[in-house]
Amino acid sequence: MNSNIQEIIQHFLQFLSERNLKELTNLFSDTIDWYIPGDEEKAPWLGIRNNKQKVSDSFELLWKNTEPISAKIEHIFNDDENAVITGEFVTRMLATGRIVESLFCIQMRIQNNKITRYRLLEDSLAVSKALDK
């Protein structure tokens, strides 16, 4: 296993849990292949992003609109430049007060010590329903 990739994954999880936007954003390359599928009209932090500033904006939108309740990492797999993180989370949607419980899978590609590709798969239907007014 690549220790640099493991270190970046651990930093990613740490900065995400701390909501440390500056350090989290610095883990990403200037240009990125980012996609989180879902209802972007209800959840504007979802969708496609292609640069570090848009990634930063996505995390800002997520953090302004949600309150984390819990998160559990199940597995972390990685090879030379790819990582997969699986787990579960519970989050409150601030606009409605509703709770979302979901499994998740994050896929990342890490090249030259930067995250260059990012996919987050979650129960996007549950997120959308929790945002229904």
N, C-alpha and C. Protein backbone atom coordinates (compact mmCIF):
# COMPACT_ATOMS: atom_id res chain seq x y z
N MET A 1 0.83 -1.20 0.00
CA MET A 1 0.00 0.00 0.00
C MET A 1 0.87 1.25 0.00
N ASN A 2 0.39 2.26 -0.64
CA ASN A 2 1.12 3.51 -0.76
C ASN A 2 0.88 4.37 0.48
N SER A 3 1.94 4.65 1.22
CA SER A 3 1.79 5.40 2.48
C SER A 3 1.37 6.84 2.24
N ASN A 4 1.80 7.45 1.11
CA ASN A 4 1.36 8.82 0.81
C ASN A 4 -0.15 8.87 0.59
N ILE A 5 -0.68 7.89 -0.11
CA ILE A 5 -2.12 7.85 -0.35
C ILE A 5 -2.85 7.66 0.98
N GLN A 6 -2.36 6.77 1.81
CA GLN A 6 -2.97 6.55 3.13
C GLN A 6 -2.95 7.83 3.95
N GLU A 7 -1.86 8.56 3.88
CA GLU A 7 -1.75 9.83 4.62
C GLU A 7 -2.75 10.86 4.10
N ILE A 8 -2.90 10.95 2.79
CA ILE A 8 -3.86 11.89 2.20
C ILE A 8 -5.28 11.50 2.59
N ILE A 9 -5.59 10.21 2.57
CA ILE A 9 -6.92 9.75 2.98
C ILE A 9 -7.18 10.14 4.43
N GLN A 10 -6.22 9.90 5.31
CA GLN A 10 -6.41 10.24 6.73
C GLN A 10 -6.58 11.75 6.91
N HIS A 11 -5.79 12.54 6.18
CA HIS A 11 -5.96 14.00 6.24
C HIS A 11 -7.34 14.41 5.72
N PHE A 12 -7.76 13.80 4.63
CA PHE A 12 -9.07 14.09 4.07
C PHE A 12 -10.16 13.86 5.12
N LEU A 13 -10.13 12.70 5.76
CA LEU A 13 -11.15 12.37 6.76
C LEU A 13 -11.06 13.30 7.97
N GLN A 14 -9.84 13.62 8.39
CA GLN A 14 -9.66 14.53 9.53
C GLN A 14 -10.19 15.92 9.22
N PHE A 15 -9.78 16.50 8.09
CA PHE A 15 -10.19 17.86 7.73
C PHE A 15 -11.69 17.93 7.46
N LEU A 16 -12.25 16.86 6.89
CA LEU A 16 -13.69 16.81 6.65
C LEU A 16 -14.44 16.82 7.99
N SER A 17 -14.00 16.00 8.93
CA SER A 17 -14.68 15.94 10.23
C SER A 17 -14.52 17.23 11.01
N GLU A 18 -13.41 17.92 10.83
CA GLU A 18 -13.18 19.20 11.52
C GLU A 18 -13.84 20.38 10.79
N ARG A 19 -14.32 20.11 9.58
CA ARG A 19 -14.83 21.18 8.70
C ARG A 19 -13.76 22.26 8.48
N ASN A 20 -12.55 21.79 8.25
CA ASN A 20 -11.40 22.66 7.99
C ASN A 20 -11.32 22.87 6.48
N LEU A 21 -12.03 23.89 6.00
CA LEU A 21 -12.19 24.11 4.57
C LEU A 21 -10.86 24.35 3.86
N LYS A 22 -10.01 25.18 4.43
CA LYS A 22 -8.75 25.52 3.76
C LYS A 22 -7.87 24.29 3.57
N GLU A 23 -7.66 23.54 4.64
CA GLU A 23 -6.79 22.36 4.55
C GLU A 23 -7.43 21.27 3.69
N LEU A 24 -8.75 21.11 3.80
CA LEU A 24 -9.44 20.12 2.99
C LEU A 24 -9.30 20.45 1.51
N THR A 25 -9.57 21.68 1.16
CA THR A 25 -9.49 22.11 -0.24
C THR A 25 -8.07 21.94 -0.79
N ASN A 26 -7.07 22.16 0.04
CA ASN A 26 -5.68 22.04 -0.40
C ASN A 26 -5.28 20.60 -0.76
N LEU A 27 -6.09 19.63 -0.38
CA LEU A 27 -5.80 18.24 -0.75
C LEU A 27 -6.15 17.96 -2.20
N PHE A 28 -6.94 18.84 -2.82
CA PHE A 28 -7.40 18.63 -4.19
C PHE A 28 -6.49 19.32 -5.19
N SER A 29 -6.39 18.73 -6.39
CA SER A 29 -5.61 19.37 -7.46
C SER A 29 -6.36 20.60 -7.97
N ASP A 30 -5.66 21.44 -8.70
CA ASP A 30 -6.28 22.66 -9.23
C ASP A 30 -7.43 22.34 -10.17
N THR A 31 -7.27 21.30 -10.98
CA THR A 31 -8.35 20.82 -11.82
C THR A 31 -8.73 19.43 -11.32
N ILE A 32 -10.03 19.16 -11.32
CA ILE A 32 -10.50 17.90 -10.73
C ILE A 32 -11.69 17.36 -11.50
N ASP A 33 -11.81 16.06 -11.47
CA ASP A 33 -12.95 15.34 -12.03
C ASP A 33 -13.80 14.93 -10.82
N TRP A 34 -14.82 15.73 -10.50
CA TRP A 34 -15.64 15.59 -9.28
C TRP A 34 -17.09 15.39 -9.66
N TYR A 35 -17.72 14.40 -9.05
CA TYR A 35 -19.14 14.20 -9.32
C TYR A 35 -19.82 13.56 -8.11
N ILE A 36 -20.88 14.19 -7.64
CA ILE A 36 -21.76 13.63 -6.62
C ILE A 36 -23.17 13.67 -7.21
N PRO A 37 -23.70 12.52 -7.64
CA PRO A 37 -25.02 12.53 -8.25
C PRO A 37 -26.12 12.85 -7.24
N GLY A 38 -27.18 13.46 -7.73
CA GLY A 38 -28.32 13.77 -6.88
C GLY A 38 -29.09 14.96 -7.42
N ASP A 39 -30.09 15.38 -6.65
CA ASP A 39 -30.98 16.47 -7.02
C ASP A 39 -30.30 17.81 -6.69
N GLU A 40 -29.63 18.39 -7.66
CA GLU A 40 -28.85 19.62 -7.45
C GLU A 40 -29.73 20.83 -7.18
N GLU A 41 -31.00 20.79 -7.61
CA GLU A 41 -31.89 21.92 -7.31
C GLU A 41 -32.19 21.99 -5.82
N LYS A 42 -32.41 20.84 -5.20
CA LYS A 42 -32.68 20.81 -3.76
C LYS A 42 -31.40 20.84 -2.94
N ALA A 43 -30.35 20.22 -3.44
CA ALA A 43 -29.08 20.10 -2.72
C ALA A 43 -27.96 20.63 -3.61
N PRO A 44 -27.73 21.95 -3.60
CA PRO A 44 -26.79 22.56 -4.55
C PRO A 44 -25.32 22.17 -4.35
N TRP A 45 -25.01 21.47 -3.27
CA TRP A 45 -23.64 21.01 -3.06
C TRP A 45 -23.35 19.76 -3.89
N LEU A 46 -24.38 19.18 -4.49
CA LEU A 46 -24.20 18.00 -5.35
C LEU A 46 -23.83 18.44 -6.76
N GLY A 47 -23.45 17.48 -7.58
CA GLY A 47 -23.20 17.77 -8.99
C GLY A 47 -21.75 17.64 -9.39
N ILE A 48 -21.45 18.25 -10.51
CA ILE A 48 -20.12 18.19 -11.12
C ILE A 48 -19.33 19.44 -10.74
N ARG A 49 -18.08 19.24 -10.41
CA ARG A 49 -17.14 20.35 -10.16
C ARG A 49 -15.87 20.04 -10.96
N ASN A 50 -15.16 21.09 -11.38
CA ASN A 50 -13.97 20.82 -12.18
C ASN A 50 -12.72 21.58 -11.71
N ASN A 51 -12.83 22.33 -10.60
CA ASN A 51 -11.63 22.98 -10.09
C ASN A 51 -11.71 23.13 -8.57
N LYS A 52 -10.59 23.45 -7.99
CA LYS A 52 -10.46 23.51 -6.53
C LYS A 52 -11.43 24.51 -5.90
N GLN A 53 -11.65 25.66 -6.52
CA GLN A 53 -12.57 26.66 -5.96
C GLN A 53 -14.00 26.12 -5.93
N LYS A 54 -14.42 25.43 -6.98
CA LYS A 54 -15.77 24.87 -7.00
C LYS A 54 -15.92 23.75 -5.97
N VAL A 55 -14.84 23.00 -5.72
CA VAL A 55 -14.85 21.99 -4.65
C VAL A 55 -15.05 22.67 -3.30
N SER A 56 -14.31 23.75 -3.09
CA SER A 56 -14.44 24.52 -1.85
C SER A 56 -15.87 25.03 -1.69
N ASP A 57 -16.44 25.56 -2.77
CA ASP A 57 -17.83 26.05 -2.74
C ASP A 57 -18.80 24.93 -2.38
N SER A 58 -18.55 23.74 -2.90
CA SER A 58 -19.43 22.60 -2.62
C SER A 58 -19.42 22.26 -1.13
N PHE A 59 -18.23 22.20 -0.53
CA PHE A 59 -18.15 21.92 0.91
C PHE A 59 -18.81 23.03 1.73
N GLU A 60 -18.61 24.28 1.31
CA GLU A 60 -19.25 25.40 2.02
C GLU A 60 -20.78 25.27 1.99
N LEU A 61 -21.33 24.96 0.82
CA LEU A 61 -22.78 24.77 0.69
C LEU A 61 -23.27 23.60 1.55
N LEU A 62 -22.52 22.51 1.52
CA LEU A 62 -22.88 21.34 2.33
C LEU A 62 -22.92 21.72 3.81
N TRP A 63 -21.90 22.40 4.28
CA TRP A 63 -21.79 22.71 5.70
C TRP A 63 -22.79 23.77 6.15
N LYS A 64 -23.19 24.66 5.24
CA LYS A 64 -24.21 25.67 5.59
C LYS A 64 -25.61 25.06 5.67
N ASN A 65 -25.80 23.92 5.01
CA ASN A 65 -27.14 23.34 4.88
C ASN A 65 -27.36 22.05 5.65
N THR A 66 -26.31 21.52 6.28
CA THR A 66 -26.44 20.25 6.97
C THR A 66 -25.75 20.29 8.33
N GLU A 67 -26.21 19.42 9.19
CA GLU A 67 -25.57 19.24 10.50
C GLU A 67 -25.24 17.76 10.65
N PRO A 68 -23.94 17.44 10.76
CA PRO A 68 -23.59 16.02 10.92
C PRO A 68 -24.01 15.52 12.30
N ILE A 69 -24.57 14.32 12.32
CA ILE A 69 -24.93 13.69 13.59
C ILE A 69 -23.93 12.58 13.90
N SER A 70 -23.67 11.75 12.91
CA SER A 70 -22.66 10.70 13.10
C SER A 70 -22.14 10.24 11.75
N ALA A 71 -20.96 9.66 11.78
CA ALA A 71 -20.37 9.06 10.59
C ALA A 71 -19.50 7.89 11.05
N LYS A 72 -19.57 6.84 10.28
CA LYS A 72 -18.79 5.65 10.62
C LYS A 72 -18.11 5.16 9.36
N ILE A 73 -16.80 5.02 9.43
CA ILE A 73 -16.04 4.46 8.32
C ILE A 73 -16.03 2.94 8.48
N GLU A 74 -16.44 2.24 7.44
CA GLU A 74 -16.44 0.76 7.47
C GLU A 74 -15.11 0.22 6.95
N HIS A 75 -14.73 0.68 5.74
CA HIS A 75 -13.52 0.15 5.10
C HIS A 75 -12.81 1.26 4.33
N ILE A 76 -11.50 1.14 4.24
CA ILE A 76 -10.69 1.98 3.37
C ILE A 76 -9.81 1.05 2.56
N PHE A 77 -9.93 1.13 1.25
CA PHE A 77 -9.12 0.33 0.35
C PHE A 77 -8.30 1.29 -0.50
N ASN A 78 -7.05 0.93 -0.76
CA ASN A 78 -6.29 1.77 -1.69
C ASN A 78 -5.19 0.96 -2.38
N ASP A 79 -4.83 1.46 -3.58
CA ASP A 79 -3.70 0.90 -4.32
C ASP A 79 -2.79 2.05 -4.71
N ASP A 80 -2.11 1.95 -5.83
CA ASP A 80 -1.11 2.95 -6.19
C ASP A 80 -1.65 4.36 -6.31
N GLU A 81 -2.87 4.52 -6.85
CA GLU A 81 -3.40 5.88 -6.97
C GLU A 81 -4.91 5.97 -6.76
N ASN A 82 -5.52 4.91 -6.32
CA ASN A 82 -6.97 4.90 -6.11
C ASN A 82 -7.30 4.53 -4.68
N ALA A 83 -8.37 5.14 -4.19
CA ALA A 83 -8.84 4.83 -2.84
C ALA A 83 -10.36 4.74 -2.85
N VAL A 84 -10.88 3.87 -2.01
CA VAL A 84 -12.31 3.73 -1.81
C VAL A 84 -12.57 3.72 -0.32
N ILE A 85 -13.49 4.57 0.11
CA ILE A 85 -13.87 4.66 1.52
C ILE A 85 -15.36 4.33 1.59
N THR A 86 -15.72 3.37 2.42
CA THR A 86 -17.14 3.04 2.58
C THR A 86 -17.55 3.25 4.03
N GLY A 87 -18.82 3.53 4.21
CA GLY A 87 -19.32 3.72 5.57
C GLY A 87 -20.78 4.11 5.59
N GLU A 88 -21.17 4.72 6.72
CA GLU A 88 -22.54 5.17 6.93
C GLU A 88 -22.51 6.54 7.59
N PHE A 89 -23.53 7.34 7.32
CA PHE A 89 -23.63 8.63 8.00
C PHE A 89 -25.06 8.94 8.37
N VAL A 90 -25.21 9.82 9.35
CA VAL A 90 -26.51 10.36 9.74
C VAL A 90 -26.34 11.87 9.76
N THR A 91 -27.20 12.59 9.04
CA THR A 91 -27.09 14.03 8.88
C THR A 91 -28.47 14.67 8.98
N ARG A 92 -28.53 15.86 9.58
CA ARG A 92 -29.77 16.64 9.64
C ARG A 92 -29.72 17.70 8.54
N MET A 93 -30.82 17.78 7.79
CA MET A 93 -30.97 18.83 6.80
C MET A 93 -31.51 20.06 7.53
N LEU A 94 -30.77 21.14 7.55
CA LEU A 94 -31.14 22.31 8.35
C LEU A 94 -32.42 22.99 7.84
N ALA A 95 -32.68 22.93 6.54
CA ALA A 95 -33.87 23.60 5.98
C ALA A 95 -35.16 22.97 6.47
N THR A 96 -35.12 21.66 6.76
CA THR A 96 -36.35 20.95 7.14
C THR A 96 -36.27 20.31 8.52
N GLY A 97 -35.08 20.15 9.04
CA GLY A 97 -34.90 19.45 10.31
C GLY A 97 -34.94 17.94 10.18
N ARG A 98 -35.14 17.45 8.96
CA ARG A 98 -35.24 16.00 8.75
C ARG A 98 -33.86 15.34 8.78
N ILE A 99 -33.87 14.09 9.19
CA ILE A 99 -32.64 13.30 9.33
C ILE A 99 -32.49 12.38 8.12
N VAL A 100 -31.26 12.30 7.61
CA VAL A 100 -30.93 11.36 6.54
C VAL A 100 -29.94 10.35 7.10
N GLU A 101 -30.26 9.07 6.91
CA GLU A 101 -29.33 7.99 7.23
C GLU A 101 -28.96 7.33 5.91
N SER A 102 -27.67 7.16 5.67
CA SER A 102 -27.26 6.63 4.37
C SER A 102 -25.96 5.86 4.47
N LEU A 103 -25.84 4.85 3.63
CA LEU A 103 -24.55 4.25 3.34
C LEU A 103 -23.84 5.22 2.40
N PHE A 104 -22.52 5.16 2.34
CA PHE A 104 -21.80 5.97 1.35
C PHE A 104 -20.58 5.22 0.84
N CYS A 105 -20.16 5.64 -0.32
CA CYS A 105 -18.94 5.13 -0.92
C CYS A 105 -18.25 6.31 -1.60
N ILE A 106 -17.03 6.59 -1.19
CA ILE A 106 -16.23 7.65 -1.81
C ILE A 106 -15.14 6.97 -2.63
N GLN A 107 -15.02 7.36 -3.89
CA GLN A 107 -13.95 6.89 -4.76
C GLN A 107 -13.05 8.08 -5.06
N MET A 108 -11.74 7.90 -4.87
CA MET A 108 -10.79 8.98 -5.14
C MET A 108 -9.62 8.45 -5.96
N ARG A 109 -9.10 9.30 -6.81
CA ARG A 109 -7.81 9.05 -7.47
C ARG A 109 -6.85 10.11 -6.94
N ILE A 110 -5.68 9.67 -6.54
CA ILE A 110 -4.69 10.57 -5.97
C ILE A 110 -3.43 10.47 -6.83
N GLN A 111 -3.05 11.61 -7.41
CA GLN A 111 -1.87 11.65 -8.28
C GLN A 111 -1.02 12.85 -7.85
N ASN A 112 0.27 12.65 -7.76
CA ASN A 112 1.20 13.71 -7.33
C ASN A 112 0.74 14.31 -6.00
N ASN A 113 0.28 13.44 -5.09
CA ASN A 113 -0.14 13.83 -3.74
C ASN A 113 -1.34 14.78 -3.71
N LYS A 114 -2.14 14.77 -4.76
CA LYS A 114 -3.37 15.58 -4.80
C LYS A 114 -4.53 14.70 -5.27
N ILE A 115 -5.72 14.99 -4.77
CA ILE A 115 -6.91 14.28 -5.22
C ILE A 115 -7.31 14.86 -6.58
N THR A 116 -7.33 14.00 -7.61
CA THR A 116 -7.63 14.46 -8.96
C THR A 116 -9.00 13.99 -9.45
N ARG A 117 -9.55 12.97 -8.78
CA ARG A 117 -10.87 12.45 -9.15
C ARG A 117 -11.60 12.12 -7.86
N TYR A 118 -12.92 12.48 -7.81
CA TYR A 118 -13.71 12.28 -6.60
C TYR A 118 -15.14 11.92 -6.97
N ARG A 119 -15.62 10.84 -6.40
CA ARG A 119 -17.00 10.42 -6.56
C ARG A 119 -17.55 10.11 -5.18
N LEU A 120 -18.74 10.59 -4.89
CA LEU A 120 -19.43 10.23 -3.66
C LEU A 120 -20.78 9.64 -4.04
N LEU A 121 -21.00 8.41 -3.64
CA LEU A 121 -22.28 7.75 -3.86
C LEU A 121 -22.95 7.61 -2.51
N GLU A 122 -24.21 8.06 -2.44
CA GLU A 122 -24.98 8.01 -1.20
C GLU A 122 -26.43 7.78 -1.58
N ASP A 123 -27.30 7.71 -0.59
CA ASP A 123 -28.73 7.56 -0.86
C ASP A 123 -29.27 8.94 -1.25
N SER A 124 -29.10 9.29 -2.51
CA SER A 124 -29.49 10.62 -2.98
C SER A 124 -31.01 10.81 -2.94
N LEU A 125 -31.77 9.72 -3.04
CA LEU A 125 -33.22 9.83 -2.92
C LEU A 125 -33.61 10.25 -1.50
N ALA A 126 -32.95 9.66 -0.51
CA ALA A 126 -33.22 10.03 0.89
C ALA A 126 -32.86 11.49 1.15
N VAL A 127 -31.76 11.96 0.57
CA VAL A 127 -31.36 13.37 0.72
C VAL A 127 -32.43 14.26 0.11
N SER A 128 -32.87 13.93 -1.10
CA SER A 128 -33.88 14.72 -1.80
C SER A 128 -35.19 14.76 -1.00
N LYS A 129 -35.63 13.60 -0.51
CA LYS A 129 -36.88 13.54 0.26
C LYS A 129 -36.77 14.33 1.56
N ALA A 130 -35.61 14.30 2.18
CA ALA A 130 -35.40 15.03 3.44
C ALA A 130 -35.44 16.54 3.23
N LEU A 131 -35.22 16.97 1.99
CA LEU A 131 -35.25 18.40 1.68
C LEU A 131 -36.60 18.87 1.16
N ASP A 132 -37.56 17.94 1.00
CA ASP A 132 -38.91 18.32 0.57
C ASP A 132 -39.55 19.17 1.66
N LYS A 133 -40.17 20.27 1.24
CA LYS A 133 -40.81 21.16 2.22
C LYS A 133 -42.29 20.89 2.32
